[in-house]
Amino acid sequence: MSSHIFEEIEKTCDRTAILKDGKLIAIENMEELKSKKNKNFEVIFKTEKDAENFKNQISFKCELNNNIVKIVIANNEVNSFIKELSNYDILDINSSSQTLEELFLHFYNK
């Protein structure tokens, strides 16, 4: 099956191949590909100072805007991320998984 509709690919395929400029750049089992997806977090801290301190304490790349930190981390780093968050007063936290399209773009832009 050939498709640019990533939801369709994710729902129907066991394996996927990624082509760039007519050349095969990756062949992946869908379960393995899903396990490579990163987690996106948006953390709202009680204070801007807490948000800034958190940003300075972690080794993850993140974006700071007032008291909100946006961060993208690998699945295997979630536990250390949560552990570090436990040192702060948090108002809210939202998470989402990287989409298959975002993962595709990561492979494609290498």
N, C-alpha and C. Protein backbone atom coordinates (compact mmCIF):
# COMPACT_ATOMS: atom_id res chain seq x y z
N MET A 1 0.84 -1.17 0.00
CA MET A 1 0.00 0.00 0.00
C MET A 1 0.89 1.24 0.00
N SER A 2 0.56 2.19 -0.80
CA SER A 2 1.28 3.45 -0.83
C SER A 2 0.32 4.55 -0.40
N SER A 3 0.74 5.34 0.58
CA SER A 3 -0.16 6.36 1.09
C SER A 3 0.61 7.48 1.76
N HIS A 4 0.03 8.66 1.74
CA HIS A 4 0.53 9.79 2.50
C HIS A 4 -0.40 10.10 3.66
N ILE A 5 -1.39 9.24 3.87
CA ILE A 5 -2.34 9.41 4.97
C ILE A 5 -1.82 8.56 6.14
N PHE A 6 -1.17 9.22 7.07
CA PHE A 6 -0.44 8.52 8.12
C PHE A 6 -1.35 7.74 9.07
N GLU A 7 -2.54 8.25 9.33
CA GLU A 7 -3.48 7.52 10.19
C GLU A 7 -3.87 6.20 9.54
N GLU A 8 -4.06 6.22 8.23
CA GLU A 8 -4.41 5.01 7.48
C GLU A 8 -3.27 3.99 7.56
N ILE A 9 -2.06 4.45 7.40
CA ILE A 9 -0.89 3.57 7.48
C ILE A 9 -0.79 2.94 8.86
N GLU A 10 -0.94 3.77 9.89
CA GLU A 10 -0.81 3.30 11.27
C GLU A 10 -1.86 2.24 11.61
N LYS A 11 -3.07 2.40 11.06
CA LYS A 11 -4.16 1.48 11.38
C LYS A 11 -4.11 0.18 10.59
N THR A 12 -3.52 0.20 9.39
CA THR A 12 -3.62 -0.97 8.52
C THR A 12 -2.32 -1.73 8.27
N CYS A 13 -1.19 -1.14 8.58
CA CYS A 13 0.09 -1.77 8.20
C CYS A 13 0.84 -2.34 9.40
N ASP A 14 1.54 -3.46 9.16
CA ASP A 14 2.42 -4.05 10.16
C ASP A 14 3.85 -3.54 10.00
N ARG A 15 4.21 -3.21 8.77
CA ARG A 15 5.54 -2.69 8.47
C ARG A 15 5.38 -1.49 7.54
N THR A 16 6.37 -0.61 7.60
CA THR A 16 6.33 0.56 6.73
C THR A 16 7.71 0.83 6.16
N ALA A 17 7.73 1.35 4.96
CA ALA A 17 8.97 1.75 4.31
C ALA A 17 8.88 3.25 4.04
N ILE A 18 9.99 3.93 4.21
CA ILE A 18 10.03 5.37 3.98
C ILE A 18 10.95 5.63 2.80
N LEU A 19 10.41 6.33 1.80
CA LEU A 19 11.16 6.67 0.60
C LEU A 19 11.47 8.16 0.59
N LYS A 20 12.66 8.49 0.11
CA LYS A 20 13.04 9.90 -0.07
C LYS A 20 13.74 10.02 -1.41
N ASP A 21 13.23 10.87 -2.25
CA ASP A 21 13.80 11.07 -3.58
C ASP A 21 13.94 9.75 -4.33
N GLY A 22 12.93 8.88 -4.19
CA GLY A 22 12.91 7.61 -4.88
C GLY A 22 13.80 6.54 -4.30
N LYS A 23 14.44 6.83 -3.17
CA LYS A 23 15.34 5.86 -2.53
C LYS A 23 14.77 5.43 -1.18
N LEU A 24 14.92 4.16 -0.88
CA LEU A 24 14.47 3.60 0.39
C LEU A 24 15.41 4.06 1.50
N ILE A 25 14.87 4.77 2.51
CA ILE A 25 15.73 5.24 3.60
C ILE A 25 15.46 4.53 4.92
N ALA A 26 14.32 3.82 5.02
CA ALA A 26 14.03 3.08 6.25
C ALA A 26 12.93 2.07 6.01
N ILE A 27 13.06 0.92 6.66
CA ILE A 27 12.00 -0.08 6.72
C ILE A 27 11.83 -0.40 8.20
N GLU A 28 10.62 -0.23 8.70
CA GLU A 28 10.39 -0.40 10.13
C GLU A 28 9.13 -1.21 10.40
N ASN A 29 9.21 -2.05 11.41
CA ASN A 29 8.04 -2.71 11.97
C ASN A 29 7.22 -1.63 12.67
N MET A 30 5.91 -1.62 12.50
CA MET A 30 5.08 -0.55 13.07
C MET A 30 5.18 -0.50 14.60
N GLU A 31 5.25 -1.65 15.26
CA GLU A 31 5.36 -1.64 16.72
C GLU A 31 6.68 -1.01 17.17
N GLU A 32 7.76 -1.35 16.47
CA GLU A 32 9.06 -0.74 16.79
C GLU A 32 9.04 0.75 16.50
N LEU A 33 8.41 1.12 15.41
CA LEU A 33 8.31 2.52 15.05
C LEU A 33 7.52 3.30 16.11
N LYS A 34 6.42 2.71 16.57
CA LYS A 34 5.61 3.35 17.62
C LYS A 34 6.41 3.52 18.91
N SER A 35 7.28 2.56 19.21
CA SER A 35 8.07 2.66 20.44
C SER A 35 9.12 3.77 20.35
N LYS A 36 9.43 4.22 19.15
CA LYS A 36 10.40 5.30 18.96
C LYS A 36 9.77 6.69 19.09
N LYS A 37 8.45 6.71 19.19
CA LYS A 37 7.76 8.00 19.30
C LYS A 37 8.15 8.70 20.59
N ASN A 38 8.38 9.98 20.50
CA ASN A 38 8.67 10.79 21.67
C ASN A 38 7.37 11.23 22.34
N LYS A 39 7.51 11.73 23.56
CA LYS A 39 6.38 12.29 24.29
C LYS A 39 6.52 13.80 24.32
N ASN A 40 5.44 14.49 24.08
CA ASN A 40 5.39 15.95 24.18
C ASN A 40 4.69 16.31 25.48
N PHE A 41 5.32 17.17 26.27
CA PHE A 41 4.73 17.62 27.52
C PHE A 41 4.64 19.13 27.54
N GLU A 42 3.56 19.62 28.12
CA GLU A 42 3.42 21.03 28.44
C GLU A 42 3.14 21.09 29.93
N VAL A 43 4.06 21.70 30.67
CA VAL A 43 3.95 21.75 32.13
C VAL A 43 3.72 23.20 32.54
N ILE A 44 2.67 23.41 33.32
CA ILE A 44 2.38 24.75 33.83
C ILE A 44 2.76 24.77 35.31
N PHE A 45 3.78 25.54 35.60
CA PHE A 45 4.29 25.66 36.97
C PHE A 45 3.53 26.74 37.72
N LYS A 46 3.58 26.65 39.04
CA LYS A 46 2.90 27.64 39.87
C LYS A 46 3.51 29.03 39.69
N THR A 47 4.83 29.08 39.52
CA THR A 47 5.51 30.37 39.35
C THR A 47 6.47 30.32 38.17
N GLU A 48 6.77 31.50 37.64
CA GLU A 48 7.76 31.60 36.56
C GLU A 48 9.14 31.17 37.06
N LYS A 49 9.43 31.49 38.31
CA LYS A 49 10.73 31.12 38.90
C LYS A 49 10.90 29.60 38.92
N ASP A 50 9.84 28.88 39.32
CA ASP A 50 9.89 27.41 39.31
C ASP A 50 10.13 26.90 37.89
N ALA A 51 9.44 27.48 36.92
CA ALA A 51 9.60 27.04 35.53
C ALA A 51 11.04 27.26 35.06
N GLU A 52 11.58 28.42 35.40
CA GLU A 52 12.96 28.72 35.00
C GLU A 52 13.96 27.80 35.71
N ASN A 53 13.76 27.57 37.01
CA ASN A 53 14.64 26.66 37.75
C ASN A 53 14.59 25.25 37.17
N PHE A 54 13.38 24.79 36.84
CA PHE A 54 13.23 23.46 36.25
C PHE A 54 14.00 23.38 34.93
N LYS A 55 13.81 24.39 34.08
CA LYS A 55 14.49 24.41 32.78
C LYS A 55 16.00 24.34 32.95
N ASN A 56 16.52 25.03 33.95
CA ASN A 56 17.96 25.04 34.18
C ASN A 56 18.48 23.75 34.81
N GLN A 57 17.61 22.97 35.44
CA GLN A 57 18.02 21.74 36.11
C GLN A 57 18.05 20.52 35.19
N ILE A 58 17.26 20.56 34.13
CA ILE A 58 17.12 19.37 33.30
C ILE A 58 18.09 19.39 32.12
N SER A 59 18.35 18.19 31.61
CA SER A 59 19.24 18.07 30.46
C SER A 59 18.45 17.99 29.15
N PHE A 60 17.13 17.97 29.24
CA PHE A 60 16.28 17.88 28.05
C PHE A 60 16.15 19.26 27.40
N LYS A 61 16.05 19.27 26.10
CA LYS A 61 15.80 20.51 25.38
C LYS A 61 14.34 20.91 25.60
N CYS A 62 14.13 22.16 25.99
CA CYS A 62 12.76 22.60 26.23
C CYS A 62 12.59 24.07 25.87
N GLU A 63 11.34 24.48 25.86
CA GLU A 63 10.97 25.86 25.52
C GLU A 63 10.27 26.46 26.73
N LEU A 64 10.68 27.64 27.14
CA LEU A 64 10.13 28.32 28.31
C LEU A 64 9.35 29.55 27.88
N ASN A 65 8.12 29.68 28.38
CA ASN A 65 7.30 30.85 28.11
C ASN A 65 6.53 31.19 29.39
N ASN A 66 7.00 32.20 30.12
CA ASN A 66 6.43 32.57 31.42
C ASN A 66 6.54 31.38 32.37
N ASN A 67 5.41 30.86 32.84
CA ASN A 67 5.44 29.72 33.77
C ASN A 67 5.17 28.39 33.07
N ILE A 68 5.27 28.37 31.74
CA ILE A 68 4.97 27.16 30.97
C ILE A 68 6.25 26.64 30.31
N VAL A 69 6.49 25.34 30.49
CA VAL A 69 7.62 24.68 29.85
C VAL A 69 7.08 23.63 28.89
N LYS A 70 7.52 23.70 27.63
CA LYS A 70 7.18 22.68 26.64
C LYS A 70 8.43 21.87 26.39
N ILE A 71 8.26 20.55 26.40
CA ILE A 71 9.41 19.67 26.32
C ILE A 71 9.06 18.42 25.51
N VAL A 72 10.00 17.93 24.75
CA VAL A 72 9.85 16.68 23.99
C VAL A 72 10.92 15.73 24.49
N ILE A 73 10.49 14.55 24.95
CA ILE A 73 11.45 13.59 25.48
C ILE A 73 11.18 12.19 24.95
N ALA A 74 12.20 11.38 24.95
CA ALA A 74 12.07 9.98 24.53
C ALA A 74 11.30 9.20 25.59
N ASN A 75 10.62 8.15 25.16
CA ASN A 75 9.83 7.32 26.08
C ASN A 75 10.65 6.82 27.26
N ASN A 76 11.91 6.48 27.03
CA ASN A 76 12.73 5.92 28.11
C ASN A 76 13.22 6.98 29.09
N GLU A 77 12.91 8.25 28.84
CA GLU A 77 13.32 9.33 29.75
C GLU A 77 12.17 9.87 30.60
N VAL A 78 10.98 9.32 30.41
CA VAL A 78 9.79 9.84 31.11
C VAL A 78 9.94 9.72 32.62
N ASN A 79 10.45 8.61 33.12
CA ASN A 79 10.57 8.43 34.58
C ASN A 79 11.46 9.48 35.22
N SER A 80 12.61 9.76 34.62
CA SER A 80 13.49 10.77 35.21
C SER A 80 12.87 12.17 35.10
N PHE A 81 12.13 12.41 34.05
CA PHE A 81 11.42 13.68 33.88
C PHE A 81 10.39 13.86 34.99
N ILE A 82 9.58 12.84 35.23
CA ILE A 82 8.55 12.90 36.27
C ILE A 82 9.19 13.05 37.65
N LYS A 83 10.27 12.35 37.87
CA LYS A 83 10.97 12.45 39.16
C LYS A 83 11.44 13.88 39.40
N GLU A 84 11.99 14.51 38.39
CA GLU A 84 12.45 15.90 38.53
C GLU A 84 11.28 16.84 38.76
N LEU A 85 10.15 16.58 38.09
CA LEU A 85 8.96 17.42 38.29
C LEU A 85 8.44 17.38 39.72
N SER A 86 8.67 16.26 40.40
CA SER A 86 8.14 16.10 41.76
C SER A 86 8.73 17.11 42.75
N ASN A 87 9.78 17.81 42.36
CA ASN A 87 10.40 18.82 43.22
C ASN A 87 9.74 20.20 43.10
N TYR A 88 8.70 20.31 42.28
CA TYR A 88 8.10 21.61 42.00
C TYR A 88 6.59 21.57 42.21
N ASP A 89 6.01 22.77 42.40
CA ASP A 89 4.55 22.91 42.44
C ASP A 89 4.06 23.07 41.01
N ILE A 90 3.22 22.13 40.60
CA ILE A 90 2.71 22.09 39.23
C ILE A 90 1.22 22.40 39.24
N LEU A 91 0.79 23.30 38.35
CA LEU A 91 -0.64 23.60 38.23
C LEU A 91 -1.32 22.64 37.27
N ASP A 92 -0.63 22.28 36.18
CA ASP A 92 -1.23 21.40 35.19
C ASP A 92 -0.12 20.79 34.33
N ILE A 93 -0.42 19.64 33.77
CA ILE A 93 0.50 19.00 32.84
C ILE A 93 -0.32 18.32 31.75
N ASN A 94 0.09 18.52 30.52
CA ASN A 94 -0.56 17.90 29.36
C ASN A 94 0.49 17.10 28.61
N SER A 95 0.07 15.96 28.10
CA SER A 95 1.01 15.15 27.33
C SER A 95 0.34 14.62 26.07
N SER A 96 1.16 14.39 25.07
CA SER A 96 0.70 13.76 23.84
C SER A 96 1.88 13.00 23.25
N SER A 97 1.56 12.02 22.43
CA SER A 97 2.61 11.25 21.76
C SER A 97 2.89 11.88 20.41
N GLN A 98 4.10 11.72 19.98
CA GLN A 98 4.50 12.17 18.66
C GLN A 98 3.65 11.42 17.63
N THR A 99 3.21 12.10 16.60
CA THR A 99 2.42 11.44 15.57
C THR A 99 3.34 10.67 14.62
N LEU A 100 2.75 9.76 13.88
CA LEU A 100 3.52 9.02 12.89
C LEU A 100 4.08 9.98 11.83
N GLU A 101 3.32 11.01 11.51
CA GLU A 101 3.80 12.00 10.54
C GLU A 101 5.04 12.73 11.07
N GLU A 102 5.03 13.11 12.35
CA GLU A 102 6.20 13.77 12.95
C GLU A 102 7.41 12.84 12.95
N LEU A 103 7.17 11.56 13.23
CA LEU A 103 8.24 10.58 13.22
C LEU A 103 8.78 10.39 11.80
N PHE A 104 7.89 10.34 10.84
CA PHE A 104 8.28 10.25 9.43
C PHE A 104 9.18 11.43 9.05
N LEU A 105 8.79 12.64 9.46
CA LEU A 105 9.58 13.83 9.13
C LEU A 105 10.97 13.77 9.76
N HIS A 106 11.06 13.16 10.95
CA HIS A 106 12.36 12.98 11.58
C HIS A 106 13.26 12.11 10.69
N PHE A 107 12.73 10.99 10.20
CA PHE A 107 13.50 10.12 9.30
C PHE A 107 13.82 10.86 8.00
N TYR A 108 12.83 11.55 7.48
CA TYR A 108 12.95 12.19 6.17
C TYR A 108 13.96 13.33 6.18
N ASN A 109 14.07 14.04 7.28
CA ASN A 109 14.96 15.20 7.36
C ASN A 109 16.38 14.86 7.79
N LYS A 110 16.68 13.58 7.98
CA LYS A 110 18.04 13.17 8.37
C LYS A 110 19.01 13.46 7.25
